[in-house]
Amino acid sequence: MERDKLLHILTSLKKFSLKGLVVVTFSSIVCFMFFKNILNLLLKTVNIKVYYFAFPEVFFSSVELAIYTGVFFSLPVLVVLMWHEFKGFIKLKASEGWLFVIFSIVLFYAGSLFCYFIVLQSGVTFLLGYEGDALKAMISVEKFIKFSSAMIFAFGITFEVPVMLIALNKMGIVKAKTLTKTRRFAILFITIASAIITPTPDVYNMMLLAVPTYILYEISIIIMKIGEKKRKNVY
């Protein structure tokens, strides 16, 4: 029985991977055609110029950015595909499942846009503050794409905290009471994680990630308590 279940999971994973690869590939090809526009949008928000130091760098950077943005814009389809393939293994009602899908997408883009409009500019401004008369920054286009993409995805994934915690609660792995008791450790973990993820050592930029993450953590506890109370009333 366990073997059949494992085979079913592996089959679903294979189907999701193949479909996801097709979606990301198509999206990346479209994004590649708009490479300059996408790069200009990133540069516009931080108000800097970038340079290339080798002839192939621009081409490889354009491919890299196309893949990042391809995944970024494919996320709604990928999440729906994942739910479609794995909903049989998750004990959720269809309505609850679709709520998870919607909130996963909304929170990811909320975190990504928060980073794009606020954190990215703040972080780059701080790092360029070391410039002087004898010290000028010449930022590689490749390094800039990796830096900005990593930051945007990091914030998008971090904002998924409520979805992950509530999903674990639904599966009976985590309880609201446990999260309430371990709040101090959660604050410490969030602070350390924020310090690692944010590109600058200053408290301001670290708090730009830590504060929203902690708020989402507290919202998760509230939602979990409401869900647990409803389940107790049913049974």
Protein backbone atom coordinates (compact mmCIF):
# COMPACT_ATOMS: atom_id res chain seq x y z
CA MET A 1 0.00 0.00 0.00
CA GLU A 2 2.80 2.38 0.96
CA ARG A 3 4.64 1.44 -2.21
CA ASP A 4 1.59 2.28 -4.34
CA LYS A 5 1.27 5.63 -2.57
CA LEU A 6 4.95 6.40 -3.14
CA LEU A 7 4.65 5.51 -6.83
CA HIS A 8 1.57 7.72 -7.09
CA ILE A 9 3.48 10.62 -5.52
CA LEU A 10 6.45 10.13 -7.85
CA THR A 11 4.12 9.96 -10.87
CA SER A 12 2.41 13.18 -9.80
CA LEU A 13 5.80 14.82 -9.24
CA LYS A 14 6.93 13.77 -12.71
CA LYS A 15 3.76 15.16 -14.31
CA PHE A 16 4.10 18.44 -12.38
CA SER A 17 7.79 18.76 -13.31
CA LEU A 18 7.16 18.20 -17.03
CA LYS A 19 4.18 20.56 -17.18
CA GLY A 20 6.00 23.14 -15.06
CA LEU A 21 9.06 22.97 -17.29
CA VAL A 22 6.93 23.62 -20.39
CA VAL A 23 5.22 26.61 -18.74
CA VAL A 24 8.49 28.13 -17.46
CA THR A 25 10.22 27.57 -20.82
CA PHE A 26 7.45 29.31 -22.75
CA SER A 27 7.32 32.17 -20.23
CA SER A 28 11.13 32.54 -20.31
CA ILE A 29 11.17 32.73 -24.11
CA VAL A 30 8.60 35.53 -24.02
CA CYS A 31 10.57 37.33 -21.27
CA PHE A 32 13.79 36.97 -23.30
CA MET A 33 12.23 39.04 -26.08
CA PHE A 34 11.61 41.83 -23.55
CA PHE A 35 14.98 41.57 -21.79
CA LYS A 36 15.87 45.25 -22.15
CA ASN A 37 12.48 46.40 -20.88
CA ILE A 38 12.68 44.14 -17.82
CA LEU A 39 16.27 45.19 -17.07
CA ASN A 40 15.31 48.86 -17.41
CA LEU A 41 12.47 48.35 -14.92
CA LEU A 42 14.93 46.93 -12.40
CA LEU A 43 17.46 49.70 -13.02
CA LYS A 44 14.79 52.38 -12.84
CA THR A 45 13.79 51.47 -9.30
CA VAL A 46 17.41 51.65 -8.02
CA ASN A 47 18.48 54.51 -10.32
CA ILE A 48 21.92 53.16 -11.27
CA LYS A 49 23.87 52.21 -14.38
CA VAL A 50 25.35 48.76 -14.99
CA TYR A 51 28.25 47.61 -17.17
CA TYR A 52 29.45 44.46 -18.90
CA PHE A 53 33.08 43.36 -18.83
CA ALA A 54 33.06 40.58 -21.44
CA PHE A 55 31.38 40.24 -24.84
CA PRO A 56 29.18 37.21 -23.95
CA GLU A 57 28.11 38.69 -20.60
CA VAL A 58 25.09 40.56 -21.94
CA PHE A 59 23.76 37.50 -23.76
CA PHE A 60 24.17 35.15 -20.80
CA SER A 61 22.75 37.78 -18.48
CA SER A 62 19.72 38.20 -20.73
CA VAL A 63 19.12 34.42 -20.65
CA GLU A 64 19.53 34.38 -16.87
CA LEU A 65 17.10 37.25 -16.37
CA ALA A 66 14.63 35.63 -18.79
CA ILE A 67 14.66 32.44 -16.70
CA TYR A 68 14.19 34.34 -13.43
CA THR A 69 11.31 36.38 -14.80
CA GLY A 70 9.90 33.32 -16.55
CA VAL A 71 9.62 31.55 -13.20
CA PHE A 72 8.31 34.74 -11.57
CA PHE A 73 5.45 35.21 -14.03
CA SER A 74 4.74 31.47 -14.22
CA LEU A 75 4.16 31.16 -10.50
CA PRO A 76 0.32 31.29 -10.59
CA VAL A 77 0.22 28.49 -13.17
CA LEU A 78 2.83 26.47 -11.26
CA VAL A 79 0.89 26.75 -7.99
CA VAL A 80 -2.36 25.68 -9.71
CA LEU A 81 -0.57 22.74 -11.37
CA MET A 82 0.91 21.71 -8.03
CA TRP A 83 -2.51 21.79 -6.36
CA HIS A 84 -4.04 19.84 -9.23
CA GLU A 85 -1.41 17.09 -9.05
CA PHE A 86 -1.09 16.78 -5.28
CA LYS A 87 -4.58 17.60 -3.96
CA GLY A 88 -5.26 13.88 -3.55
CA PHE A 89 -2.52 13.64 -0.92
CA ILE A 90 -3.64 16.68 1.07
CA LYS A 91 -6.66 16.40 3.34
CA LEU A 92 -8.32 19.66 2.37
CA LYS A 93 -11.69 20.57 0.97
CA ALA A 94 -11.67 21.92 -2.57
CA SER A 95 -12.68 25.40 -1.32
CA GLU A 96 -9.89 25.39 1.29
CA GLY A 97 -7.38 24.19 -1.29
CA TRP A 98 -8.21 26.99 -3.69
CA LEU A 99 -7.92 29.50 -0.83
CA PHE A 100 -4.40 28.21 -0.19
CA VAL A 101 -3.62 28.55 -3.90
CA ILE A 102 -4.91 32.14 -4.06
CA PHE A 103 -3.18 33.27 -0.86
CA SER A 104 0.09 31.60 -1.89
CA ILE A 105 0.11 33.60 -5.12
CA VAL A 106 -1.00 36.88 -3.49
CA LEU A 107 1.55 36.67 -0.66
CA PHE A 108 4.42 35.79 -3.00
CA TYR A 109 3.75 38.76 -5.24
CA ALA A 110 3.13 41.02 -2.21
CA GLY A 111 6.58 40.15 -0.85
CA SER A 112 8.23 40.49 -4.25
CA LEU A 113 6.64 43.89 -4.97
CA PHE A 114 7.46 45.11 -1.46
CA CYS A 115 11.09 44.25 -2.17
CA TYR A 116 11.02 45.80 -5.65
CA PHE A 117 9.50 49.13 -4.63
CA ILE A 118 11.07 49.62 -1.18
CA VAL A 119 13.80 47.24 -0.06
CA LEU A 120 15.81 46.94 -3.29
CA GLN A 121 16.24 50.68 -3.65
CA SER A 122 17.03 51.10 0.04
CA GLY A 123 19.59 48.29 0.00
CA VAL A 124 21.39 49.50 -3.14
CA THR A 125 21.45 53.09 -1.84
CA PHE A 126 23.06 51.90 1.38
CA LEU A 127 25.68 49.81 -0.41
CA LEU A 128 26.55 52.64 -2.80
CA GLY A 129 26.99 54.95 0.18
CA TYR A 130 30.60 53.76 0.38
CA GLU A 131 31.41 55.58 -2.86
CA GLY A 132 33.76 58.54 -2.74
CA ASP A 133 36.09 60.61 -4.90
CA ALA A 134 38.63 57.78 -5.04
CA LEU A 135 36.11 54.95 -4.96
CA LYS A 136 33.51 54.49 -7.71
CA ALA A 137 31.17 51.56 -8.28
CA MET A 138 31.10 49.80 -11.66
CA ILE A 139 28.37 47.21 -11.23
CA SER A 140 28.35 44.23 -13.56
CA VAL A 141 25.01 43.57 -15.28
CA GLU A 142 25.35 39.88 -14.37
CA LYS A 143 25.96 40.61 -10.67
CA PHE A 144 23.09 43.11 -10.57
CA ILE A 145 20.63 40.63 -12.09
CA LYS A 146 21.65 37.90 -9.62
CA PHE A 147 21.48 40.29 -6.67
CA SER A 148 18.10 41.83 -7.49
CA SER A 149 16.51 38.49 -8.52
CA ALA A 150 17.73 36.75 -5.35
CA MET A 151 16.34 39.58 -3.20
CA ILE A 152 12.94 39.64 -4.91
CA PHE A 153 12.51 35.86 -4.71
CA ALA A 154 13.75 35.78 -1.10
CA PHE A 155 11.10 38.29 -0.02
CA GLY A 156 8.41 36.54 -2.05
CA ILE A 157 9.17 33.18 -0.44
CA THR A 158 9.48 34.69 3.07
CA PHE A 159 5.99 36.17 2.78
CA GLU A 160 4.71 32.60 2.35
CA VAL A 161 5.14 32.02 6.12
CA PRO A 162 1.36 32.08 6.89
CA VAL A 163 0.55 29.60 4.13
CA MET A 164 3.24 27.16 5.28
CA LEU A 165 2.30 27.41 8.97
CA ILE A 166 -1.44 27.06 8.34
CA ALA A 167 -0.81 24.10 6.03
CA LEU A 168 1.23 22.40 8.77
CA ASN A 169 -1.56 23.16 11.23
CA LYS A 170 -4.14 21.57 8.92
CA MET A 171 -1.96 18.48 8.70
CA GLY A 172 -1.81 18.31 12.51
CA ILE A 173 1.95 18.87 12.66
CA VAL A 174 1.89 22.33 14.29
CA LYS A 175 -0.60 23.82 16.75
CA ALA A 176 -1.32 27.47 17.52
CA LYS A 177 -0.53 26.84 21.19
CA THR A 178 2.96 25.63 20.28
CA LEU A 179 3.68 28.70 18.14
CA THR A 180 2.45 30.98 20.93
CA LYS A 181 4.77 29.34 23.46
CA THR A 182 7.77 29.49 21.13
CA ARG A 183 7.16 33.11 20.10
CA ARG A 184 10.48 34.29 21.56
CA PHE A 185 12.41 31.72 19.53
CA ALA A 186 10.42 32.69 16.43
CA ILE A 187 11.39 36.35 16.91
CA LEU A 188 15.05 35.34 17.26
CA PHE A 189 14.89 33.11 14.17
CA ILE A 190 13.12 35.80 12.11
CA THR A 191 15.70 38.39 13.15
CA ILE A 192 18.66 36.16 12.25
CA ALA A 193 17.07 35.08 8.95
CA SER A 194 16.32 38.71 8.05
CA ALA A 195 19.91 39.70 8.80
CA ILE A 196 21.15 36.95 6.47
CA ILE A 197 18.68 37.62 3.64
CA THR A 198 18.95 41.41 3.53
CA PRO A 199 22.06 42.62 1.67
CA THR A 200 23.07 45.31 4.14
CA PRO A 201 24.25 45.15 7.77
CA ASP A 202 22.11 48.08 8.97
CA VAL A 203 19.13 47.60 11.27
CA TYR A 204 16.72 49.57 9.05
CA ASN A 205 16.91 47.25 6.04
CA MET A 206 16.87 44.17 8.28
CA MET A 207 13.67 45.40 9.97
CA LEU A 208 12.03 45.93 6.57
CA LEU A 209 11.91 42.13 6.31
CA ALA A 210 11.73 41.16 9.99
CA VAL A 211 8.69 43.29 10.93
CA PRO A 212 6.36 42.15 8.09
CA THR A 213 7.45 38.53 8.65
CA TYR A 214 6.65 38.72 12.37
CA ILE A 215 3.27 40.33 11.65
CA LEU A 216 2.49 37.48 9.23
CA TYR A 217 3.59 35.02 11.92
CA GLU A 218 1.10 36.52 14.39
CA ILE A 219 -1.67 36.55 11.77
CA SER A 220 -0.97 32.86 11.16
CA ILE A 221 -1.47 32.10 14.87
CA ILE A 222 -4.81 33.96 14.89
CA ILE A 223 -6.06 32.09 11.80
CA MET A 224 -4.89 28.78 13.25
CA LYS A 225 -6.72 29.44 16.54
CA ILE A 226 -9.95 30.21 14.65
CA GLY A 227 -9.55 27.02 12.58
CA GLU A 228 -8.85 24.87 15.64
CA LYS A 229 -11.86 26.30 17.45
CA LYS A 230 -14.13 25.52 14.49
CA ARG A 231 -12.82 21.95 14.31
CA LYS A 232 -13.49 21.45 18.04
CA ASN A 233 -17.07 22.69 17.63
CA VAL A 234 -17.62 20.28 14.73
CA TYR A 235 -16.37 17.29 16.66
